Protein backbone atom coordinates (compact mmCIF):
# COMPACT_ATOMS: atom_id res chain seq x y z
CA MET A 1 -25.06 63.60 -53.88
CA GLN A 2 -26.49 66.99 -52.98
CA LYS A 3 -30.15 67.42 -53.94
CA LEU A 4 -31.91 70.55 -55.16
CA VAL A 5 -35.60 70.58 -54.23
CA ALA A 6 -37.89 73.08 -55.97
CA ILE A 7 -41.19 73.66 -54.17
CA ASP A 8 -44.14 75.62 -55.52
CA LEU A 9 -45.87 77.89 -52.99
CA ASP A 10 -49.64 78.40 -53.45
CA GLY A 11 -51.50 75.12 -53.51
CA THR A 12 -48.30 73.27 -52.60
CA PHE A 13 -46.26 74.61 -49.66
CA LEU A 14 -49.13 76.80 -48.44
CA ASN A 15 -52.42 75.45 -47.10
CA GLN A 16 -55.82 76.83 -48.03
CA ASN A 17 -55.39 79.62 -45.45
CA TYR A 18 -52.21 80.77 -47.24
CA THR A 19 -49.99 79.81 -44.33
CA ILE A 20 -47.10 77.35 -43.89
CA SER A 21 -47.83 74.43 -41.58
CA SER A 22 -45.33 73.52 -38.88
CA LEU A 23 -44.98 70.06 -40.49
CA HIS A 24 -43.98 71.60 -43.81
CA ALA A 25 -41.56 74.01 -42.14
CA ASP A 26 -39.95 71.29 -40.01
CA ALA A 27 -39.53 68.97 -43.01
CA VAL A 28 -37.77 71.71 -44.98
CA LYS A 29 -35.42 72.50 -42.09
CA LYS A 30 -34.55 68.82 -41.63
CA ALA A 31 -33.91 68.44 -45.37
CA GLN A 32 -31.59 71.45 -45.26
CA GLU A 33 -29.76 69.92 -42.28
CA LYS A 34 -29.16 66.85 -44.44
CA GLY A 35 -27.55 69.07 -47.10
CA ALA A 36 -30.45 69.59 -49.52
CA GLN A 37 -30.71 72.94 -51.27
CA ILE A 38 -34.32 74.15 -51.05
CA VAL A 39 -35.79 76.68 -53.48
CA ILE A 40 -39.30 78.05 -53.28
CA ALA A 41 -40.52 78.71 -56.84
CA THR A 42 -43.56 80.94 -57.04
CA GLY A 43 -45.44 83.61 -58.90
CA ARG A 44 -45.32 85.75 -55.76
CA ALA A 45 -42.71 88.40 -55.10
CA GLN A 46 -39.71 87.49 -52.96
CA PHE A 47 -40.61 89.93 -50.19
CA ASP A 48 -44.06 88.35 -49.92
CA VAL A 49 -42.45 84.91 -49.53
CA GLN A 50 -40.24 86.34 -46.78
CA ARG A 51 -43.38 87.58 -45.00
CA LEU A 52 -44.77 84.04 -45.08
CA PHE A 53 -41.43 82.65 -43.87
CA GLN A 54 -41.25 84.83 -40.77
CA ASP A 55 -43.59 82.86 -38.51
CA GLN A 56 -41.71 79.62 -39.20
CA ASP A 57 -38.18 81.08 -39.19
CA LEU A 58 -37.45 79.71 -42.66
CA SER A 59 -34.73 80.62 -45.15
CA SER A 60 -34.14 79.30 -48.67
CA TRP A 61 -33.44 80.20 -52.26
CA ILE A 62 -36.45 81.92 -53.81
CA ILE A 63 -37.43 81.96 -57.47
CA GLY A 64 -40.04 84.72 -57.57
CA ALA A 65 -42.36 86.34 -60.11
CA ASN A 66 -42.58 83.10 -62.12
CA GLY A 67 -38.86 83.03 -62.77
CA ALA A 68 -38.22 86.75 -63.30
CA THR A 69 -36.22 86.95 -60.06
CA THR A 70 -33.94 84.57 -58.14
CA TYR A 71 -32.74 85.37 -54.62
CA ASP A 72 -30.15 83.55 -52.53
CA PRO A 73 -30.95 82.58 -48.90
CA ASP A 74 -29.44 85.87 -47.71
CA GLY A 75 -31.93 87.85 -49.80
CA ASN A 76 -29.58 88.94 -52.59
CA LEU A 77 -31.07 89.24 -56.08
CA THR A 78 -28.85 87.05 -58.27
CA LEU A 79 -30.71 86.48 -61.55
CA PRO A 80 -32.95 89.44 -62.48
CA LEU A 81 -35.12 89.41 -65.63
CA PRO A 82 -37.19 92.62 -65.63
CA LEU A 83 -39.80 93.45 -68.22
CA LYS A 84 -38.63 95.81 -70.94
CA ALA A 85 -40.01 99.25 -70.11
CA VAL A 86 -41.67 99.63 -73.50
CA TYR A 87 -43.73 96.47 -72.94
CA ALA A 88 -44.51 97.30 -69.32
CA LYS A 89 -45.85 100.72 -70.34
CA GLU A 90 -47.93 99.23 -73.14
CA ILE A 91 -49.42 96.66 -70.76
CA VAL A 92 -50.37 99.01 -67.93
CA ARG A 93 -51.73 101.70 -70.26
CA TRP A 94 -54.11 99.21 -71.85
CA LEU A 95 -55.14 97.70 -68.50
CA SER A 96 -55.77 101.13 -67.03
CA ALA A 97 -57.83 102.24 -70.03
CA GLU A 98 -59.92 99.05 -69.84
CA ASN A 99 -60.47 99.33 -66.07
CA TYR A 100 -58.75 96.11 -65.03
CA TYR A 101 -57.41 95.45 -61.56
CA PHE A 102 -53.65 95.08 -61.97
CA GLU A 103 -50.46 95.11 -59.91
CA ILE A 104 -47.02 96.36 -60.91
CA VAL A 105 -44.38 94.29 -59.13
CA THR A 106 -40.83 95.57 -58.50
CA ASP A 107 -38.14 94.04 -56.28
CA GLN A 108 -39.35 96.04 -53.27
CA GLU A 109 -43.07 96.70 -53.59
CA ILE A 110 -46.36 96.02 -55.36
CA PHE A 111 -48.05 99.08 -56.82
CA ILE A 112 -51.81 99.29 -57.33
CA THR A 113 -53.84 102.30 -58.42
CA SER A 114 -56.04 104.04 -55.88
CA ASN A 115 -59.24 102.70 -57.49
CA ALA A 116 -57.98 99.10 -57.76
CA LYS A 117 -59.81 97.72 -54.71
CA GLN A 118 -63.08 99.19 -55.92
CA LEU A 119 -62.60 97.52 -59.32
CA LEU A 120 -62.44 94.11 -57.61
CA GLU A 121 -65.50 94.92 -55.51
CA ASP A 122 -67.45 95.96 -58.61
CA GLU A 123 -66.61 92.71 -60.39
CA MET A 124 -67.64 90.67 -57.36
CA ASP A 125 -71.06 92.35 -57.52
CA ILE A 126 -71.47 91.82 -61.27
CA VAL A 127 -69.95 88.42 -62.08
CA GLN A 128 -72.39 85.53 -61.71
CA GLN A 129 -70.41 82.54 -63.03
CA ALA A 130 -67.85 82.47 -60.18
CA ASP A 131 -68.41 81.36 -56.59
CA LYS A 132 -68.70 84.31 -54.21
CA LYS A 133 -66.56 82.68 -51.52
CA GLU A 134 -63.80 81.90 -54.02
CA MET A 135 -63.84 85.48 -55.30
CA LYS A 136 -63.60 86.79 -51.73
CA ARG A 137 -60.65 84.47 -50.99
CA ALA A 138 -58.90 85.58 -54.19
CA LYS A 139 -59.40 89.24 -53.28
CA GLU A 140 -58.03 88.66 -49.77
CA ARG A 141 -55.02 86.82 -51.21
CA GLN A 142 -54.14 89.70 -53.50
CA LEU A 143 -54.71 92.49 -51.01
CA GLY A 144 -52.97 90.54 -48.23
CA GLN A 145 -49.60 90.55 -50.00
CA ALA A 146 -46.65 92.37 -48.47
CA ASN A 147 -45.54 95.88 -49.46
CA ILE A 148 -48.63 96.95 -51.40
CA LYS A 149 -48.57 100.67 -52.16
CA GLU A 150 -51.42 102.68 -53.66
CA ILE A 151 -50.61 105.32 -56.26
CA ASP A 152 -52.84 107.79 -58.10
CA ASP A 153 -51.06 107.41 -61.43
CA TYR A 154 -49.21 104.31 -62.64
CA MET A 155 -46.78 106.54 -64.54
CA HIS A 156 -45.25 107.31 -61.13
CA VAL A 157 -43.53 103.92 -61.30
CA PHE A 158 -41.97 104.65 -64.68
CA GLN A 159 -40.87 108.11 -63.62
CA LYS A 160 -38.94 106.47 -60.76
CA GLU A 161 -37.26 104.23 -63.39
CA LYS A 162 -37.91 101.14 -61.29
CA ASP A 163 -37.35 97.69 -62.77
CA ILE A 164 -40.69 95.95 -63.20
CA TYR A 165 -40.56 92.17 -62.92
CA LYS A 166 -44.21 91.27 -63.29
CA VAL A 167 -47.64 92.69 -64.02
CA THR A 168 -50.46 90.75 -62.38
CA ILE A 169 -54.05 90.99 -63.63
CA VAL A 170 -56.98 89.79 -61.52
CA SER A 171 -60.45 89.48 -62.97
CA PHE A 172 -63.36 87.32 -61.86
CA ASP A 173 -64.74 87.46 -65.41
CA GLU A 174 -63.32 84.61 -67.52
CA GLU A 175 -64.01 86.47 -70.76
CA ARG A 176 -62.13 89.55 -69.57
CA ARG A 177 -59.14 87.38 -68.64
CA ARG A 178 -59.24 85.82 -72.11
CA VAL A 179 -59.40 89.23 -73.79
CA ALA A 180 -56.45 90.45 -71.73
CA ALA A 181 -54.40 87.37 -72.63
CA ASP A 182 -55.24 87.68 -76.33
CA THR A 183 -54.53 91.41 -76.42
CA LEU A 184 -51.32 91.46 -74.39
CA GLY A 185 -49.76 88.15 -75.38
CA LYS A 186 -46.73 88.32 -77.66
CA LYS A 187 -43.58 86.29 -78.21
CA GLU A 188 -41.45 88.69 -76.15
CA LEU A 189 -43.61 87.98 -73.07
CA ASN A 190 -44.68 84.95 -71.03
CA LEU A 191 -48.18 84.76 -69.60
CA TYR A 192 -48.93 82.47 -66.65
CA SER A 193 -51.76 81.77 -64.25
CA SER A 194 -50.66 80.78 -60.75
CA ALA A 195 -53.99 81.16 -58.93
CA ASP A 196 -57.70 81.32 -59.61
CA PHE A 197 -58.73 84.43 -61.52
CA ASN A 198 -55.23 85.76 -62.20
CA LEU A 199 -52.95 86.31 -65.19
CA GLU A 200 -49.26 87.14 -64.71
CA ILE A 201 -47.07 88.74 -67.37
CA VAL A 202 -43.28 88.46 -67.26
CA ASP A 203 -40.35 88.72 -69.65
CA GLY A 204 -40.30 86.11 -72.39
CA LYS A 205 -37.10 84.59 -71.00
CA ALA A 206 -38.60 84.13 -67.54
CA SER A 207 -40.06 80.87 -66.28
CA LYS A 208 -39.71 78.75 -63.18
CA GLY A 209 -38.02 76.11 -65.32
CA LYS A 210 -35.36 78.38 -66.80
CA ALA A 211 -34.60 79.92 -63.41
CA LEU A 212 -34.33 76.47 -61.81
CA LYS A 213 -32.01 75.26 -64.57
CA LYS A 214 -29.72 78.29 -64.06
CA LEU A 215 -29.71 77.79 -60.31
CA ALA A 216 -28.84 74.10 -60.69
CA LYS A 217 -25.93 75.03 -62.94
CA GLN A 218 -24.75 77.63 -60.42
CA LEU A 219 -24.85 75.03 -57.64
CA ASP A 220 -23.34 72.32 -59.87
CA ILE A 221 -26.31 70.00 -59.39
CA LYS A 222 -27.26 67.59 -62.18
CA LYS A 223 -30.79 67.00 -63.45
CA ASP A 224 -31.01 63.58 -61.78
CA ASP A 225 -30.52 65.30 -58.41
CA ILE A 226 -33.27 67.89 -58.94
CA ILE A 227 -36.66 67.23 -57.34
CA ALA A 228 -39.64 69.47 -58.11
CA VAL A 229 -43.16 69.49 -56.68
CA GLY A 230 -46.15 71.55 -57.81
CA ASP A 231 -49.86 71.64 -58.48
CA SER A 232 -50.69 73.92 -61.42
CA MET A 233 -49.90 74.60 -65.06
CA ASN A 234 -47.30 77.29 -64.37
CA ASP A 235 -45.28 74.59 -62.55
CA LEU A 236 -44.83 72.46 -65.69
CA PRO A 237 -41.65 74.26 -66.90
CA MET A 238 -40.11 73.67 -63.47
CA LEU A 239 -41.16 70.03 -63.39
CA GLU A 240 -39.64 69.42 -66.83
CA VAL A 241 -36.21 70.45 -65.51
CA ALA A 242 -36.33 67.97 -62.62
CA GLY A 243 -35.12 64.40 -62.56
CA THR A 244 -37.88 63.56 -60.08
CA LYS A 245 -41.27 65.15 -60.77
CA VAL A 246 -43.89 65.14 -58.01
CA ALA A 247 -47.51 66.28 -58.21
CA MET A 248 -49.51 67.41 -55.23
CA GLY A 249 -52.66 65.44 -54.46
CA ASN A 250 -54.63 68.57 -55.30
CA ALA A 251 -52.77 69.14 -58.60
CA THR A 252 -54.50 69.43 -61.95
CA ASP A 253 -54.80 66.29 -64.06
CA GLU A 254 -52.27 67.69 -66.54
CA VAL A 255 -49.68 68.12 -63.79
CA LYS A 256 -50.32 64.64 -62.39
CA GLU A 257 -49.88 63.11 -65.84
CA ALA A 258 -46.53 64.92 -66.26
CA CYS A 259 -45.15 63.66 -62.94
CA ASP A 260 -43.52 60.47 -61.68
CA TYR A 261 -45.90 60.15 -58.76
CA THR A 262 -48.45 62.04 -56.66
CA THR A 263 -47.96 62.96 -53.00
CA ASP A 264 -50.63 64.07 -50.51
CA THR A 265 -52.56 67.32 -50.88
CA ASN A 266 -51.39 70.66 -49.50
CA GLU A 267 -53.94 70.29 -46.68
CA GLU A 268 -52.41 66.90 -45.87
CA ASN A 269 -48.82 68.25 -45.79
CA GLY A 270 -47.88 66.65 -49.09
CA VAL A 271 -44.53 68.46 -49.30
CA ALA A 272 -43.49 66.92 -45.97
CA THR A 273 -44.52 63.49 -47.27
CA MET A 274 -42.42 64.02 -50.39
CA LEU A 275 -39.38 65.24 -48.43
CA ASN A 276 -39.57 62.25 -46.11
CA ARG A 277 -39.56 59.91 -49.11
CA GLU A 278 -36.90 61.68 -51.18
CA ILE A 279 -34.53 63.15 -48.56
CA LEU A 280 -35.16 62.34 -44.91
CA GLN A 281 -35.52 58.55 -45.11
CA LYS A 282 -32.43 58.07 -47.28
């Protein structure tokens, strides 16, 4: 039977340097040669995943923006779930007024305001409860994404009538993240955290799990033939859809408890270990 393998990106397929190891890339290619359908499921935008794929010459299905977008291996957007404009405007107006660093993610670019980088720098100078090296890595991760464009006024995005798939908030202050979640959370929206210090807001119908379930139906693949691997809380909806649930060695305790077994860490090429066990040695 054909297998569908859903692989989280950060903390799972990527190492601590935010790159894809040759072992991980080779294992995915070999699994595809054996007929497995591979889908990368991530909070990142599809075009940022493609940037990461380039060095390893990879191609796969991509569930991006925590389930708000699904792209086929040829790069076609097949299952879009944009934020309603009224909610997107409400979110970015409040974030702008409260001086948060935030990103507006469309299907082609990531918009940040011209003062966004300085907002992160200011927080790094002020916040005492977070490790300075971790804050620096988080800043580099955000600003190292593909297709970032600076704008003077966020209303530019709405004037262009672009579909917005995700708004990402980054704050090194835990209390500010909590306030943002409490203020902006509502039943019509889903809030996720896919990395240290971030909060991601998508449409209430969007999740990795729902997108994976739709993709499995499209490919006529049953639950028993779905394998999912991840490391963090935003992976739980995806893991629930799978017949075989795998936690990374570096996963949170909650994720490990929800899974059938634990593979190696992302630094130890745990995805390759899982693919060898589930696909390549069978």
